[in-house]
Protein backbone atom coordinates (compact mmCIF):
# COMPACT_ATOMS: atom_id res chain seq x y z
CA UNK A 1 0.00 0.00 0.00
CA UNK A 2 3.02 2.25 0.24
CA UNK A 3 2.98 2.67 -3.52
CA UNK A 4 -0.51 4.14 -3.25
CA UNK A 5 -0.09 6.32 -0.17
CA UNK A 6 3.12 7.88 -1.47
CA UNK A 7 1.70 8.70 -4.90
CA UNK A 8 -1.85 9.88 -4.24
CA UNK A 9 -1.38 13.20 -6.11
CA UNK A 10 -0.03 11.36 -9.16
CA UNK A 11 -2.88 8.84 -9.06
CA UNK A 12 -5.46 11.63 -8.73
CA UNK A 13 -3.91 13.38 -11.71
CA UNK A 14 -4.19 10.17 -13.71
CA UNK A 15 -7.81 9.73 -12.69
CA UNK A 16 -8.57 13.32 -13.69
CA UNK A 17 -6.95 12.79 -17.09
CA UNK A 18 -8.97 9.60 -17.61
CA UNK A 19 -12.20 11.40 -16.75
CA UNK A 20 -11.32 14.29 -19.09
CA UNK A 21 -10.45 11.91 -21.95
CA UNK A 22 -13.70 10.01 -21.52
CA UNK A 23 -16.01 13.00 -21.17
CA UNK A 24 -14.50 14.99 -24.05
CA UNK A 25 -14.27 11.97 -26.32
CA UNK A 26 -17.86 10.97 -25.59
CA UNK A 27 -19.36 14.44 -25.93
CA UNK A 28 -17.64 15.04 -29.26
CA UNK A 29 -18.71 11.55 -30.36
CA UNK A 30 -22.33 12.39 -29.55
CA UNK A 31 -22.15 15.50 -31.72
CA UNK A 32 -20.33 13.86 -34.63
CA UNK A 33 -22.34 10.64 -34.39
CA UNK A 34 -25.69 12.44 -34.37
CA UNK A 35 -24.67 14.50 -37.41
CA UNK A 36 -23.62 11.29 -39.18
CA UNK A 37 -26.94 9.63 -38.31
CA UNK A 38 -28.81 12.58 -39.81
CA UNK A 39 -26.72 12.17 -42.95
CA UNK A 40 -27.47 8.44 -43.03
CA UNK A 41 -31.24 9.04 -43.05
CA UNK A 42 -31.14 12.14 -45.27
CA UNK A 43 -32.71 12.14 -48.74
CA UNK A 44 -29.38 13.22 -50.30
CA UNK A 45 -27.51 10.13 -51.58
CA UNK A 46 -23.93 11.54 -51.36
CA UNK A 47 -24.47 12.34 -47.66
CA UNK A 48 -25.79 8.84 -47.01
CA UNK A 49 -22.84 7.27 -48.84
CA UNK A 50 -20.26 9.42 -47.02
CA UNK A 51 -21.76 8.66 -43.59
CA UNK A 52 -21.98 4.95 -44.37
CA UNK A 53 -18.35 4.91 -45.49
CA UNK A 54 -17.30 6.65 -42.27
CA UNK A 55 -19.15 4.14 -40.10
CA UNK A 56 -17.76 1.13 -41.96
CA UNK A 57 -14.20 2.44 -41.67
CA UNK A 58 -14.06 3.64 -38.07
CA UNK A 59 -16.27 0.93 -36.63
CA UNK A 60 -13.81 -1.68 -37.85
CA UNK A 61 -10.49 -0.06 -36.93
CA UNK A 62 -9.17 -1.07 -33.47
CA UNK A 63 -8.95 1.93 -31.17
CA UNK A 64 -5.29 1.21 -30.42
CA UNK A 65 -4.38 1.25 -34.12
CA UNK A 66 -6.35 4.45 -34.60
CA UNK A 67 -4.62 6.18 -31.69
CA UNK A 68 -1.16 5.24 -32.98
CA UNK A 69 -2.02 6.38 -36.50
CA UNK A 70 -3.21 9.74 -35.18
CA UNK A 71 -0.36 10.32 -32.71
CA UNK A 72 2.49 9.28 -34.98
CA UNK A 73 0.97 9.65 -38.43
CA UNK A 74 -0.36 13.21 -38.29
CA UNK A 75 3.12 14.74 -37.72
CA UNK A 76 4.20 13.17 -41.03
CA UNK A 77 1.64 15.35 -42.82
CA UNK A 78 2.57 18.47 -40.86
CA UNK A 79 -0.14 18.35 -38.18
CA UNK A 80 1.09 17.97 -34.61
CA UNK A 81 -1.29 17.65 -31.67
CA UNK A 82 -0.58 17.12 -27.97
CA UNK A 83 -0.93 13.45 -27.10
CA UNK A 84 -3.91 14.19 -24.88
CA UNK A 85 -5.84 15.64 -27.82
CA UNK A 86 -4.70 12.76 -30.02
CA UNK A 87 -6.38 10.51 -27.48
CA UNK A 88 -9.56 12.59 -27.50
CA UNK A 89 -9.62 12.59 -31.30
CA UNK A 90 -9.12 8.83 -31.50
CA UNK A 91 -11.89 8.12 -28.98
CA UNK A 92 -14.18 10.56 -30.77
CA UNK A 93 -13.67 9.08 -34.23
CA UNK A 94 -14.20 5.53 -33.00
CA UNK A 95 -17.15 6.16 -30.67
CA UNK A 96 -18.91 8.43 -33.19
CA UNK A 97 -19.37 5.47 -35.54
CA UNK A 98 -21.24 3.53 -32.84
CA UNK A 99 -23.23 6.59 -31.76
CA UNK A 100 -24.29 7.06 -35.37
CA UNK A 101 -25.68 3.53 -35.63
CA UNK A 102 -27.47 3.79 -32.29
CA UNK A 103 -29.08 7.11 -33.22
CA UNK A 104 -30.05 5.78 -36.65
CA UNK A 105 -31.62 2.70 -35.06
CA UNK A 106 -33.54 4.96 -32.68
CA UNK A 107 -34.79 7.08 -35.57
CA UNK A 108 -35.99 3.95 -37.35
CA UNK A 109 -38.18 3.02 -34.36
CA UNK A 110 -40.33 6.13 -34.85
CA UNK A 111 -43.41 5.31 -36.98
CA UNK A 112 -43.19 6.69 -40.51
CA UNK A 113 -46.63 8.21 -40.11
CA UNK A 114 -45.32 10.64 -37.51
CA UNK A 115 -42.76 12.04 -39.93
CA UNK A 116 -45.37 12.21 -42.70
CA UNK A 117 -47.73 14.10 -40.40
CA UNK A 118 -44.97 16.56 -39.55
CA UNK A 119 -44.21 17.17 -43.22
CA UNK A 120 -47.92 17.63 -43.92
CA UNK A 121 -48.01 20.65 -41.60
CA UNK A 122 -45.05 22.26 -43.31
CA UNK A 123 -42.02 21.01 -41.37
CA UNK A 124 -38.95 20.32 -43.47
CA UNK A 125 -36.51 17.44 -43.10
CA UNK A 126 -34.48 19.02 -40.28
CA UNK A 127 -37.55 20.40 -38.54
CA UNK A 128 -39.18 16.96 -38.59
CA UNK A 129 -36.06 15.41 -37.09
CA UNK A 130 -35.63 18.06 -34.43
CA UNK A 131 -39.22 18.44 -33.21
CA UNK A 132 -40.82 15.08 -33.97
CA UNK A 133 -38.45 12.21 -34.65
CA UNK A 134 -35.44 12.71 -32.36
CA UNK A 135 -37.44 13.46 -29.16
CA UNK A 136 -39.33 10.18 -29.60
CA UNK A 137 -36.25 8.24 -30.69
CA UNK A 138 -34.25 9.38 -27.66
CA UNK A 139 -36.22 7.09 -25.34
CA UNK A 140 -34.95 4.03 -27.17
CA UNK A 141 -31.38 5.33 -27.49
CA UNK A 142 -30.52 5.83 -23.81
CA UNK A 143 -29.18 2.36 -23.00
CA UNK A 144 -27.32 1.88 -26.31
CA UNK A 145 -25.64 5.27 -25.78
CA UNK A 146 -24.71 4.23 -22.23
CA UNK A 147 -22.99 1.21 -23.75
CA UNK A 148 -21.02 3.52 -26.03
CA UNK A 149 -20.02 5.57 -22.98
CA UNK A 150 -18.75 2.46 -21.22
CA UNK A 151 -16.81 1.54 -24.36
CA UNK A 152 -15.27 5.01 -24.34
CA UNK A 153 -14.26 4.60 -20.68
CA UNK A 154 -12.55 1.29 -21.43
CA UNK A 155 -11.01 2.62 -24.65
CA UNK A 156 -9.42 5.50 -22.78
CA UNK A 157 -7.02 2.98 -21.18
CA UNK A 158 -5.44 2.48 -24.61
CA UNK A 159 -4.31 6.11 -24.62
CA UNK A 160 -1.47 4.95 -22.37
CA UNK A 161 0.08 3.51 -25.55
CA UNK A 162 0.69 7.05 -26.82
CA UNK A 163 2.03 8.31 -23.47
CA UNK A 164 -1.11 10.08 -22.26
CA UNK A 165 -0.74 10.22 -18.47
CA UNK A 166 -4.11 8.72 -17.64
CA UNK A 167 -4.62 6.17 -14.85
CA UNK A 168 -3.32 3.13 -16.77
CA UNK A 169 -0.14 4.95 -17.78
CA UNK A 170 0.35 6.13 -14.18
CA UNK A 171 -0.15 2.65 -12.72
CA UNK A 172 2.21 1.16 -15.31
CA UNK A 173 4.86 3.69 -14.34
CA UNK A 174 4.39 3.02 -10.62
CA UNK A 175 4.52 -0.72 -11.22
CA UNK A 176 7.93 -0.33 -12.84
CA UNK A 177 9.08 1.60 -9.80
CA UNK A 178 7.52 -0.51 -7.03
CA UNK A 179 6.98 -3.90 -8.75
CA UNK A 180 3.45 -4.18 -7.31
CA UNK A 181 1.45 -5.03 -10.40
CA UNK A 182 -1.59 -6.47 -8.60
CA UNK A 183 -2.05 -3.46 -6.35
CA UNK A 184 -1.42 -0.90 -9.08
CA UNK A 185 -3.71 -2.41 -11.69
CA UNK A 186 -6.36 -3.10 -9.07
CA UNK A 187 -6.47 0.66 -8.51
CA UNK A 188 -6.87 1.23 -12.26
CA UNK A 189 -9.57 -1.43 -12.44
CA UNK A 190 -11.54 0.19 -9.60
CA UNK A 191 -11.39 3.54 -11.41
CA UNK A 192 -12.72 2.13 -14.68
CA UNK A 193 -15.36 0.08 -12.87
CA UNK A 194 -16.54 3.11 -10.90
CA UNK A 195 -16.80 5.25 -14.03
CA UNK A 196 -18.66 2.55 -15.96
CA UNK A 197 -21.10 1.87 -13.12
CA UNK A 198 -21.58 5.61 -12.66
CA UNK A 199 -22.42 6.00 -16.35
CA UNK A 200 -24.82 3.05 -16.19
CA UNK A 201 -26.52 4.50 -13.10
CA UNK A 202 -26.91 7.90 -14.76
CA UNK A 203 -28.24 6.28 -17.93
CA UNK A 204 -30.78 4.33 -15.90
CA UNK A 205 -31.89 7.53 -14.18
CA UNK A 206 -32.31 9.30 -17.52
CA UNK A 207 -34.22 6.34 -18.93
CA UNK A 208 -36.59 6.35 -15.96
CA UNK A 209 -37.01 10.12 -16.28
CA UNK A 210 -38.09 9.96 -19.92
CA UNK A 211 -40.17 6.78 -19.65
CA UNK A 212 -43.06 8.03 -17.44
CA UNK A 213 -44.00 10.74 -19.92
CA UNK A 214 -44.36 8.10 -22.59
CA UNK A 215 -46.45 5.90 -20.33
CA UNK A 216 -48.50 8.89 -19.22
CA UNK A 217 -49.24 9.90 -22.79
CA UNK A 218 -50.27 6.34 -23.65
CA UNK A 219 -52.46 6.24 -20.57
CA UNK A 220 -54.06 9.53 -21.59
CA UNK A 221 -54.78 8.21 -25.07
CA UNK A 222 -56.28 5.05 -23.58
CA UNK A 223 -58.48 7.10 -21.24
CA UNK A 224 -59.68 9.25 -24.13
CA UNK A 225 -60.49 6.13 -26.16
CA UNK A 226 -62.47 4.69 -23.24
CA UNK A 227 -64.36 7.94 -22.80
CA UNK A 228 -65.11 8.09 -26.52
CA UNK A 229 -66.35 4.51 -26.46
CA UNK A 230 -68.55 5.25 -23.47
CA UNK A 231 -70.07 8.27 -25.18
CA UNK A 232 -70.69 6.23 -28.31
Foldseek 3Di string as FASTA:
>chain_A
DCLCVVCVVLLVVQLVLLVVLLVLLLVLLLVLLVVLLLLCPDPDVVSVVVSVVLLVVLQPDDLLVQLCCQQPVVVVVPDHDPLSVSSSVSSSSNLSSQSNVLQNVLLVVDDPVQLVVVVVVPDDSVRCCVPPRNVNSVLVSLVSSLVSSLVSSVSSLSSVVSVDSHLNVSLVVSCVVVVPNVVSVVVVVVSSVVVSVVSVVVSVVVSVVSPVVVVVVVVVVVVVVVVVVVVD
